Every structure is written in C-alpha cells, then in structure tokens.
PDB file of N, CA and C in Angstrom:
ATOM      1  N   MET A   1       0.767  -1.195   0.134  1.00  0.00           N
ATOM      2  CA  MET A   1      -0.045  -0.072  -0.018  1.00  0.00           C
ATOM      3  C   MET A   1       0.909   1.133   0.015  1.00  0.00           C
ATOM      4  N   THR A   2       2.029   1.040   0.625  1.00  0.00           N
ATOM      5  CA  THR A   2       2.893   2.280   0.376  1.00  0.00           C
ATOM      6  C   THR A   2       3.466   2.435  -1.068  1.00  0.00           C
ATOM      7  N   ALA A   3       3.316   1.600  -1.912  1.00  0.00           N
ATOM      8  CA  ALA A   3       3.627   1.971  -3.394  1.00  0.00           C
ATOM      9  C   ALA A   3       2.595   2.622  -3.968  1.00  0.00           C
ATOM     10  N   LEU A   4       1.300   2.298  -3.505  1.00  0.00           N
ATOM     11  CA  LEU A   4       0.086   2.759  -3.879  1.00  0.00           C
ATOM     12  C   LEU A   4       0.150   4.471  -3.555  1.00  0.00           C
ATOM     13  N   LEU A   5       0.479   4.641  -2.403  1.00  0.00           N
ATOM     14  CA  LEU A   5       0.505   6.050  -2.030  1.00  0.00           C
ATOM     15  C   LEU A   5       1.655   6.937  -2.647  1.00  0.00           C
ATOM     16  N   PHE A   6       2.611   6.042  -3.024  1.00  0.00           N
ATOM     17  CA  PHE A   6       3.581   6.973  -3.816  1.00  0.00           C
ATOM     18  C   PHE A   6       3.656   7.222  -5.103  1.00  0.00           C
ATOM     19  N   ALA A   7       2.740   6.043  -5.659  1.00  0.00           N
ATOM     20  CA  ALA A   7       2.275   6.130  -7.195  1.00  0.00           C
ATOM     21  C   ALA A   7       1.334   7.230  -7.265  1.00  0.00           C
ATOM     22  N   THR A   8       0.513   7.578  -6.505  1.00  0.00           N
ATOM     23  CA  THR A   8      -0.358   8.771  -6.582  1.00  0.00           C
ATOM     24  C   THR A   8       0.251  10.158  -6.291  1.00  0.00           C
ATOM     25  N   ILE A   9       1.277   9.866  -5.421  1.00  0.00           N
ATOM     26  CA  ILE A   9       2.064  11.302  -5.232  1.00  0.00           C
ATOM     27  C   ILE A   9       3.151  11.444  -6.696  1.00  0.00           C
ATOM     28  N   PHE A  10       3.936  10.581  -6.915  1.00  0.00           N
ATOM     29  CA  PHE A  10       4.800  10.845  -7.864  1.00  0.00           C
ATOM     30  C   PHE A  10       4.337  10.937  -9.314  1.00  0.00           C
ATOM     31  N   LEU A  11       3.553  10.071  -9.680  1.00  0.00           N
ATOM     32  CA  LEU A  11       3.118   9.913 -11.017  1.00  0.00           C
ATOM     33  C   LEU A  11       4.230   9.212 -11.777  1.00  0.00           C
ATOM     34  N   ASN A  12       5.273   8.851 -11.520  1.00  0.00           N
ATOM     35  CA  ASN A  12       6.428   8.302 -11.926  1.00  0.00           C
ATOM     36  C   ASN A  12       6.991   6.801 -11.377  1.00  0.00           C
ATOM     37  N   SER A  13       7.058   5.929 -12.290  1.00  0.00           N
ATOM     38  CA  SER A  13       7.196   4.697 -11.910  1.00  0.00           C
ATOM     39  C   SER A  13       8.463   4.473 -11.215  1.00  0.00           C
ATOM     40  N   LYS A  14       9.593   5.145 -11.730  1.00  0.00           N
ATOM     41  CA  LYS A  14      10.835   4.808 -11.266  1.00  0.00           C
ATOM     42  C   LYS A  14      10.983   5.424  -9.854  1.00  0.00           C
ATOM     43  N   ARG A  15      10.519   6.635  -9.578  1.00  0.00           N
ATOM     44  CA  ARG A  15      10.590   7.252  -8.431  1.00  0.00           C
ATOM     45  C   ARG A  15       9.469   6.728  -7.372  1.00  0.00           C
ATOM     46  N   THR A  16       8.540   6.134  -7.903  1.00  0.00           N
ATOM     47  CA  THR A  16       7.625   5.238  -6.996  1.00  0.00           C
ATOM     48  C   THR A  16       8.368   4.063  -6.437  1.00  0.00           C
ATOM     49  N   MET A  17       8.964   3.340  -7.351  1.00  0.00           N
ATOM     50  CA  MET A  17       9.708   2.284  -6.802  1.00  0.00           C
ATOM     51  C   MET A  17      11.042   2.422  -5.966  1.00  0.00           C
ATOM     52  N   GLY A  18      11.511   3.491  -6.436  1.00  0.00           N
ATOM     53  CA  GLY A  18      12.772   3.788  -5.447  1.00  0.00           C
ATOM     54  C   GLY A  18      12.373   4.212  -4.146  1.00  0.00           C
ATOM     55  N   ALA A  19      11.165   5.090  -4.015  1.00  0.00           N
ATOM     56  CA  ALA A  19      10.698   5.594  -2.697  1.00  0.00           C
ATOM     57  C   ALA A  19      10.080   4.477  -1.928  1.00  0.00           C
ATOM     58  N   ALA A  20       9.317   3.479  -2.508  1.00  0.00           N
ATOM     59  CA  ALA A  20       8.630   2.419  -1.908  1.00  0.00           C
ATOM     60  C   ALA A  20       9.551   1.380  -1.275  1.00  0.00           C
ATOM     61  N   LEU A  21      10.849   1.225  -2.252  1.00  0.00           N
ATOM     62  CA  LEU A  21      11.712   0.126  -1.489  1.00  0.00           C
ATOM     63  C   LEU A  21      12.632   0.709  -0.526  1.00  0.00           C
ATOM     64  N   ALA A  22      12.883   2.253  -0.675  1.00  0.00           N
ATOM     65  CA  ALA A  22      13.523   2.827   0.509  1.00  0.00           C
ATOM     66  C   ALA A  22      12.816   2.805   1.715  1.00  0.00           C
ATOM     67  N   VAL A  23      11.503   2.952   1.761  1.00  0.00           N
ATOM     68  CA  VAL A  23      10.501   2.913   3.168  1.00  0.00           C
ATOM     69  C   VAL A  23      10.402   1.514   3.354  1.00  0.00           C
ATOM     70  N   MET A  24      10.446   0.457   2.591  1.00  0.00           N
ATOM     71  CA  MET A  24      10.665  -0.909   3.103  1.00  0.00           C
ATOM     72  C   MET A  24      11.887  -1.343   3.758  1.00  0.00           C
ATOM     73  N   PHE A  25      13.079  -0.885   3.262  1.00  0.00           N
ATOM     74  CA  PHE A  25      14.390  -1.295   3.671  1.00  0.00           C
ATOM     75  C   PHE A  25      14.522  -0.418   5.117  1.00  0.00           C
ATOM     76  N   LEU A  26      13.805   0.702   5.105  1.00  0.00           N
ATOM     77  CA  LEU A  26      14.035   1.571   6.492  1.00  0.00           C
ATOM     78  C   LEU A  26      13.147   0.948   7.473  1.00  0.00           C
ATOM     79  N   MET A  27      11.794   0.456   7.176  1.00  0.00           N
ATOM     80  CA  MET A  27      10.871  -0.250   8.179  1.00  0.00           C
ATOM     81  C   MET A  27      11.896  -1.404   8.620  1.00  0.00           C
ATOM     82  N   PHE A  28      12.469  -2.281   7.702  1.00  0.00           N
ATOM     83  CA  PHE A  28      12.943  -3.390   7.958  1.00  0.00           C
ATOM     84  C   PHE A  28      14.138  -3.226   9.024  1.00  0.00           C
ATOM     85  N   PHE A  29      15.101  -2.180   8.815  1.00  0.00           N
ATOM     86  CA  PHE A  29      16.175  -2.051   9.439  1.00  0.00           C
ATOM     87  C   PHE A  29      15.712  -1.329  11.080  1.00  0.00           C
ATOM     88  N   ILE A  30      14.657  -0.483  10.978  1.00  0.00           N
ATOM     89  CA  ILE A  30      14.297  -0.025  12.182  1.00  0.00           C
ATOM     90  C   ILE A  30      13.642  -1.211  12.882  1.00  0.00           C
ATOM     91  N   GLY A  31      12.736  -2.022  12.232  1.00  0.00           N
ATOM     92  CA  GLY A  31      12.181  -3.144  13.156  1.00  0.00           C
ATOM     93  C   GLY A  31      12.970  -4.099  13.684  1.00  0.00           C
ATOM     94  N   SER A  32      14.259  -4.301  12.843  1.00  0.00           N
ATOM     95  CA  SER A  32      15.120  -5.372  13.124  1.00  0.00           C
ATOM     96  C   SER A  32      16.265  -4.901  14.317  1.00  0.00           C
ATOM     97  N   PHE A  33      16.742  -3.588  13.975  1.00  0.00           N
ATOM     98  CA  PHE A  33      17.958  -3.241  14.841  1.00  0.00           C
ATOM     99  C   PHE A  33      17.469  -2.089  15.893  1.00  0.00           C
ATOM    100  N   TRP A  34      16.280  -2.069  16.253  1.00  0.00           N
ATOM    101  CA  TRP A  34      15.903  -0.968  17.282  1.00  0.00           C
ATOM    102  C   TRP A  34      16.493  -1.369  18.641  1.00  0.00           C
ATOM    103  N   GLU A  35      16.877  -2.390  18.917  1.00  0.00           N
ATOM    104  CA  GLU A  35      17.383  -2.889  20.112  1.00  0.00           C
ATOM    105  C   GLU A  35      18.904  -2.469  20.423  1.00  0.00           C
ATOM    106  N   TYR A  36      19.448  -2.177  19.339  1.00  0.00           N
ATOM    107  CA  TYR A  36      20.934  -1.795  19.244  1.00  0.00           C
ATOM    108  C   TYR A  36      21.023  -0.426  19.551  1.00  0.00           C
ATOM    109  N   LEU A  37      20.137   0.456  19.331  1.00  0.00           N
ATOM    110  CA  LEU A  37      20.118   1.757  19.829  1.00  0.00           C
ATOM    111  C   LEU A  37      20.139   2.246  21.005  1.00  0.00           C
ATOM    112  N   PRO A  38      20.758   3.353  21.542  1.00  0.00           N
ATOM    113  CA  PRO A  38      20.611   3.833  22.861  1.00  0.00           C
ATOM    114  C   PRO A  38      19.045   3.914  23.306  1.00  0.00           C
ATOM    115  N   GLU A  39      19.064   3.708  24.492  1.00  0.00           N
ATOM    116  CA  GLU A  39      17.691   3.829  25.352  1.00  0.00           C
ATOM    117  C   GLU A  39      16.745   4.901  24.974  1.00  0.00           C
ATOM    118  N   ALA A  40      17.376   6.011  24.613  1.00  0.00           N
ATOM    119  CA  ALA A  40      16.545   7.197  24.533  1.00  0.00           C
ATOM    120  C   ALA A  40      15.949   7.022  23.098  1.00  0.00           C
ATOM    121  N   TYR A  41      16.339   6.199  22.107  1.00  0.00           N
ATOM    122  CA  TYR A  41      15.902   6.088  20.823  1.00  0.00           C
ATOM    123  C   TYR A  41      15.109   4.858  20.571  1.00  0.00           C
ATOM    124  N   GLN A  42      14.937   4.014  21.538  1.00  0.00           N
ATOM    125  CA  GLN A  42      14.326   2.847  21.250  1.00  0.00           C
ATOM    126  C   GLN A  42      12.973   2.845  20.933  1.00  0.00           C
ATOM    127  N   ASN A  43      12.222   4.100  21.262  1.00  0.00           N
ATOM    128  CA  ASN A  43      10.816   4.018  20.935  1.00  0.00           C
ATOM    129  C   ASN A  43      10.695   4.155  19.423  1.00  0.00           C
ATOM    130  N   ILE A  44      11.795   4.267  18.677  1.00  0.00           N
ATOM    131  CA  ILE A  44      11.541   4.298  17.356  1.00  0.00           C
ATOM    132  C   ILE A  44      11.104   2.954  16.711  1.00  0.00           C
ATOM    133  N   GLN A  45      11.207   1.891  17.422  1.00  0.00           N
ATOM    134  CA  GLN A  45      10.547   0.743  16.989  1.00  0.00           C
ATOM    135  C   GLN A  45       9.042   0.670  16.570  1.00  0.00           C
ATOM    136  N   TYR A  46       8.163   1.525  17.111  1.00  0.00           N
ATOM    137  CA  TYR A  46       6.940   1.647  17.025  1.00  0.00           C
ATOM    138  C   TYR A  46       6.533   2.337  15.548  1.00  0.00           C
ATOM    139  N   VAL A  47       7.592   2.927  15.021  1.00  0.00           N
ATOM    140  CA  VAL A  47       7.279   3.501  13.921  1.00  0.00           C
ATOM    141  C   VAL A  47       7.209   2.390  12.674  1.00  0.00           C
ATOM    142  N   SER A  48       8.153   1.420  12.825  1.00  0.00           N
ATOM    143  CA  SER A  48       8.121   0.378  11.815  1.00  0.00           C
ATOM    144  C   SER A  48       7.028  -0.544  11.907  1.00  0.00           C
ATOM    145  N   THR A  49       6.401  -0.931  10.637  1.00  0.00           N
ATOM    146  CA  THR A  49       5.546  -2.024  10.741  1.00  0.00           C
ATOM    147  C   THR A  49       6.100  -3.512  10.767  1.00  0.00           C
ATOM    148  N   TRP A  50       7.262  -3.441  10.520  1.00  0.00           N
ATOM    149  CA  TRP A  50       8.234  -4.823  10.813  1.00  0.00           C
ATOM    150  C   TRP A  50       8.060  -5.210  12.300  1.00  0.00           C
ATOM    151  N   PHE A  51       7.837  -4.238  13.281  1.00  0.00           N
ATOM    152  CA  PHE A  51       7.910  -4.766  14.561  1.00  0.00           C
ATOM    153  C   PHE A  51       6.296  -5.095  14.840  1.00  0.00           C
ATOM    154  N   CYS A  52       5.455  -4.800  14.384  1.00  0.00           N
ATOM    155  CA  CYS A  52       4.107  -5.155  14.561  1.00  0.00           C
ATOM    156  C   CYS A  52       3.775  -6.701  14.601  1.00  0.00           C
ATOM    157  N   LEU A  53       4.206  -7.345  13.532  1.00  0.00           N
ATOM    158  CA  LEU A  53       4.059  -8.682  13.464  1.00  0.00           C
ATOM    159  C   LEU A  53       5.393  -9.527  13.460  1.00  0.00           C
ATOM    160  N   ASN A  54       5.663 -10.156  14.613  1.00  0.00           N
ATOM    161  CA  ASN A  54       6.831 -10.783  15.032  1.00  0.00           C
ATOM    162  C   ASN A  54       6.693 -12.401  14.393  1.00  0.00           C
ATOM    163  N   THR A  55       7.228 -12.765  13.161  1.00  0.00           N
ATOM    164  CA  THR A  55       7.026 -13.868  12.656  1.00  0.00           C
ATOM    165  C   THR A  55       7.826 -15.009  13.272  1.00  0.00           C
ATOM    166  N   LEU A  56       8.749 -14.627  13.944  1.00  0.00           N
ATOM    167  CA  LEU A  56       9.489 -15.646  14.735  1.00  0.00           C
ATOM    168  C   LEU A  56       8.511 -16.351  15.733  1.00  0.00           C
ATOM    169  N   ASP A  57       7.845 -15.265  16.520  1.00  0.00           N
ATOM    170  CA  ASP A  57       6.970 -15.925  17.511  1.00  0.00           C
ATOM    171  C   ASP A  57       5.845 -16.720  17.175  1.00  0.00           C
ATOM    172  N   LEU A  58       5.257 -16.456  15.991  1.00  0.00           N
ATOM    173  CA  LEU A  58       4.333 -16.974  15.249  1.00  0.00           C
ATOM    174  C   LEU A  58       4.649 -18.385  14.581  1.00  0.00           C
ATOM    175  N   PHE A  59       5.485 -18.403  13.669  1.00  0.00           N
ATOM    176  CA  PHE A  59       6.031 -19.525  12.852  1.00  0.00           C
ATOM    177  C   PHE A  59       6.806 -20.590  13.490  1.00  0.00           C
ATOM    178  N   GLY A  60       7.770 -19.782  14.179  1.00  0.00           N
ATOM    179  CA  GLY A  60       8.990 -20.502  14.910  1.00  0.00           C
ATOM    180  C   GLY A  60       8.580 -21.130  16.328  1.00  0.00           C
ATOM    181  N   ASN A  61       7.824 -20.367  17.032  1.00  0.00           N
ATOM    182  CA  ASN A  61       7.546 -20.916  18.423  1.00  0.00           C
ATOM    183  C   ASN A  61       6.074 -21.130  18.824  1.00  0.00           C
ATOM    184  N   GLY A  62       5.212 -20.709  17.698  1.00  0.00           N
ATOM    185  CA  GLY A  62       3.854 -21.099  17.756  1.00  0.00           C
ATOM    186  C   GLY A  62       3.109 -20.397  18.745  1.00  0.00           C
ATOM    187  N   ILE A  63       3.625 -19.125  18.963  1.00  0.00           N
ATOM    188  CA  ILE A  63       2.918 -18.222  20.001  1.00  0.00           C
ATOM    189  C   ILE A  63       2.013 -17.266  19.260  1.00  0.00           C
ATOM    190  N   PHE A  64       0.927 -17.142  19.466  1.00  0.00           N
ATOM    191  CA  PHE A  64      -0.329 -16.445  18.990  1.00  0.00           C
ATOM    192  C   PHE A  64      -0.880 -15.388  19.696  1.00  0.00           C
ATOM    193  N   ASP A  65      -0.147 -15.067  20.764  1.00  0.00           N
ATOM    194  CA  ASP A  65      -0.873 -14.143  22.012  1.00  0.00           C
ATOM    195  C   ASP A  65      -1.310 -12.824  21.108  1.00  0.00           C
ATOM    196  N   ASP A  66      -0.386 -12.157  20.542  1.00  0.00           N
ATOM    197  CA  ASP A  66      -0.581 -10.826  20.240  1.00  0.00           C
ATOM    198  C   ASP A  66      -1.070 -10.780  18.519  1.00  0.00           C
ATOM    199  N   PHE A  67      -1.469 -12.001  18.052  1.00  0.00           N
ATOM    200  CA  PHE A  67      -1.477 -11.940  16.651  1.00  0.00           C
ATOM    201  C   PHE A  67      -2.838 -11.064  16.074  1.00  0.00           C
ATOM    202  N   LEU A  68      -3.772 -11.160  16.910  1.00  0.00           N
ATOM    203  CA  LEU A  68      -5.234 -10.470  16.456  1.00  0.00           C
ATOM    204  C   LEU A  68      -4.812  -9.107  16.591  1.00  0.00           C
ATOM    205  N   ARG A  69      -4.200  -8.511  17.376  1.00  0.00           N
ATOM    206  CA  ARG A  69      -3.835  -7.160  17.698  1.00  0.00           C
ATOM    207  C   ARG A  69      -2.879  -6.622  16.329  1.00  0.00           C
ATOM    208  N   ASP A  70      -1.873  -7.535  16.228  1.00  0.00           N
ATOM    209  CA  ASP A  70      -1.161  -7.144  15.093  1.00  0.00           C
ATOM    210  C   ASP A  70      -1.689  -7.220  13.647  1.00  0.00           C
ATOM    211  N   ILE A  71      -2.566  -8.074  13.455  1.00  0.00           N
ATOM    212  CA  ILE A  71      -3.527  -8.049  12.282  1.00  0.00           C
ATOM    213  C   ILE A  71      -4.314  -6.760  12.150  1.00  0.00           C
ATOM    214  N   PHE A  72      -4.793  -6.379  13.224  1.00  0.00           N
ATOM    215  CA  PHE A  72      -5.436  -5.059  13.280  1.00  0.00           C
ATOM    216  C   PHE A  72      -4.918  -3.825  12.975  1.00  0.00           C
ATOM    217  N   VAL A  73      -3.675  -3.680  13.471  1.00  0.00           N
ATOM    218  CA  VAL A  73      -2.492  -2.621  13.410  1.00  0.00           C
ATOM    219  C   VAL A  73      -2.410  -2.483  11.962  1.00  0.00           C
ATOM    220  N   LEU A  74      -1.840  -3.543  11.370  1.00  0.00           N
ATOM    221  CA  LEU A  74      -1.206  -3.785  10.095  1.00  0.00           C
ATOM    222  C   LEU A  74      -2.353  -3.458   9.048  1.00  0.00           C
ATOM    223  N   GLY A  75      -3.530  -3.982   9.403  1.00  0.00           N
ATOM    224  CA  GLY A  75      -4.760  -3.559   8.460  1.00  0.00           C
ATOM    225  C   GLY A  75      -5.070  -2.292   8.518  1.00  0.00           C
ATOM    226  N   GLY A  76      -5.203  -1.664   9.754  1.00  0.00           N
ATOM    227  CA  GLY A  76      -5.398  -0.205  10.092  1.00  0.00           C
ATOM    228  C   GLY A  76      -4.416   0.574   9.298  1.00  0.00           C
ATOM    229  N   VAL A  77      -3.186   0.199   9.127  1.00  0.00           N
ATOM    230  CA  VAL A  77      -2.173   1.031   8.438  1.00  0.00           C
ATOM    231  C   VAL A  77      -2.373   1.037   6.869  1.00  0.00           C
ATOM    232  N   ASN A  78      -2.899  -0.199   6.557  1.00  0.00           N
ATOM    233  CA  ASN A  78      -3.174  -0.353   5.075  1.00  0.00           C
ATOM    234  C   ASN A  78      -4.383   0.716   4.606  1.00  0.00           C
ATOM    235  N   VAL A  79      -5.348   0.564   5.596  1.00  0.00           N
ATOM    236  CA  VAL A  79      -6.712   1.334   5.334  1.00  0.00           C
ATOM    237  C   VAL A  79      -6.244   2.929   5.401  1.00  0.00           C
ATOM    238  N   VAL A  80      -5.389   2.953   6.005  1.00  0.00           N
ATOM    239  CA  VAL A  80      -5.009   4.622   6.197  1.00  0.00           C
ATOM    240  C   VAL A  80      -4.411   5.062   4.992  1.00  0.00           C
ATOM    241  N   LEU A  81      -3.242   4.264   4.399  1.00  0.00           N
ATOM    242  CA  LEU A  81      -2.707   4.421   3.175  1.00  0.00           C
ATOM    243  C   LEU A  81      -3.538   4.287   2.174  1.00  0.00           C
ATOM    244  N   ILE A  82      -4.384   3.552   2.012  1.00  0.00           N
ATOM    245  CA  ILE A  82      -5.406   3.431   0.820  1.00  0.00           C
ATOM    246  C   ILE A  82      -6.445   4.439   0.997  1.00  0.00           C
ATOM    247  N   ILE A  83      -6.842   5.080   2.068  1.00  0.00           N
ATOM    248  CA  ILE A  83      -7.520   6.371   1.986  1.00  0.00           C
ATOM    249  C   ILE A  83      -6.895   7.721   1.684  1.00  0.00           C
ATOM    250  N   ALA A  84      -5.666   7.633   2.275  1.00  0.00           N
ATOM    251  CA  ALA A  84      -4.535   8.623   1.643  1.00  0.00           C
ATOM    252  C   ALA A  84      -4.435   8.653   0.311  1.00  0.00           C
ATOM    253  N   SER A  85      -4.166   7.701  -0.500  1.00  0.00           N
ATOM    254  CA  SER A  85      -3.923   7.416  -1.824  1.00  0.00           C
ATOM    255  C   SER A  85      -5.381   8.001  -2.537  1.00  0.00           C
ATOM    256  N   LEU A  86      -6.354   7.522  -2.162  1.00  0.00           N
ATOM    257  CA  LEU A  86      -7.750   7.941  -2.709  1.00  0.00           C
ATOM    258  C   LEU A  86      -7.985   9.447  -2.672  1.00  0.00           C
ATOM    259  N   LEU A  87      -7.760  10.147  -1.648  1.00  0.00           N
ATOM    260  CA  LEU A  87      -7.848  11.472  -1.446  1.00  0.00           C
ATOM    261  C   LEU A  87      -6.628  12.265  -2.261  1.00  0.00           C
ATOM    262  N   ILE A  88      -5.627  11.779  -2.360  1.00  0.00           N
ATOM    263  CA  ILE A  88      -4.645  12.541  -3.157  1.00  0.00           C
ATOM    264  C   ILE A  88      -5.043  12.358  -4.710  1.00  0.00           C
ATOM    265  N   PHE A  89      -5.582  10.892  -4.990  1.00  0.00           N
ATOM    266  CA  PHE A  89      -5.727  10.763  -6.376  1.00  0.00           C
ATOM    267  C   PHE A  89      -6.998  11.667  -7.002  1.00  0.00           C
ATOM    268  N   ARG A  90      -7.831  11.960  -6.152  1.00  0.00           N
ATOM    269  CA  ARG A  90      -9.086  12.631  -6.430  1.00  0.00           C
ATOM    270  C   ARG A  90      -8.639  14.252  -6.584  1.00  0.00           C
ATOM    271  N   ARG A  91      -7.323  14.650  -6.066  1.00  0.00           N
ATOM    272  CA  ARG A  91      -7.196  15.933  -6.451  1.00  0.00           C
ATOM    273  C   ARG A  91      -6.226  16.058  -7.460  1.00  0.00           C
ATOM    274  N   ARG A  92      -5.788  15.041  -8.046  1.00  0.00           N
ATOM    275  CA  ARG A  92      -4.636  15.204  -9.092  1.00  0.00           C
ATOM    276  C   ARG A  92      -5.431  15.267 -10.437  1.00  0.00           C
ATOM    277  N   ASP A  93      -4.675  15.966 -11.245  1.00  0.00           N
ATOM    278  CA  ASP A  93      -4.824  16.079 -12.627  1.00  0.00           C
ATOM    279  C   ASP A  93      -3.940  15.159 -13.622  1.00  0.00           C
ATOM    280  N   ILE A  94      -4.286  14.080 -13.921  1.00  0.00           N
ATOM    281  CA  ILE A  94      -3.681  13.032 -14.459  1.00  0.00           C
ATOM    282  C   ILE A  94      -3.148  13.489 -15.868  1.00  0.00           C
ATOM    283  N   PRO A  95      -1.967  13.421 -16.141  1.00  0.00           N
ATOM    284  CA  PRO A  95      -1.394  14.061 -17.264  1.00  0.00           C
ATOM    285  C   PRO A  95      -1.577  12.809 -18.394  1.00  0.00           C
ATOM    286  N   VAL A  96      -1.824  13.309 -19.663  1.00  0.00           N
ATOM    287  CA  VAL A  96      -1.992  12.440 -20.852  1.00  0.00           C
ATOM    288  C   VAL A  96      -0.738  12.089 -21.604  1.00  0.00           C
TER     289      VAL A  96
END
C-alpha cells in the first residue's frame, strides 16, 4: 500500500519504486535493529510496521498471543494508506 500512495504522489514509476523500496528497507532496519540503539531512541521501534508482526513467535515458536492485535494494526495502516491514496488521487490532474 505504500507503493500505491507513492504512485499517486509521484506519477512516475521509477520514483515510486525507489521510494517504496527505500521505505521498506528503512522499516526493516528499524524493526530489526531498534534494540541496538541507545535507550533514548528505542521508541522508534513503534514507527516500523515490521515490529508489529513478529513472525518468529508465530511460525517458529507457535505463540499467537498478540496475533489478532497485530493484524488489526497492520490492517489499520493499510486502510489509512489506501484512504490517503484515494484522497490524493481525487485531487490529481492526470497527465495524458
């Protein structure tokens, strides 16, 4: 959904793919390496969507304690991105 949002903003496939991949890698690194940051910066983990769904607990250990919460959070992020894309798209003048 991030790529959809960037596609409506940039209207250029190369910029869209670059921005979407940059955000994906940034989210991955924040979600994976937040614990190595100083204590004052560890709240940055909540910015990353990779932190929301811990696949190691799900598939590796079979722990489904926060699974429903994680699905709702990720679904909410997707809904917000889709709504933002639609709002931006309605205001765009599409070049021919």
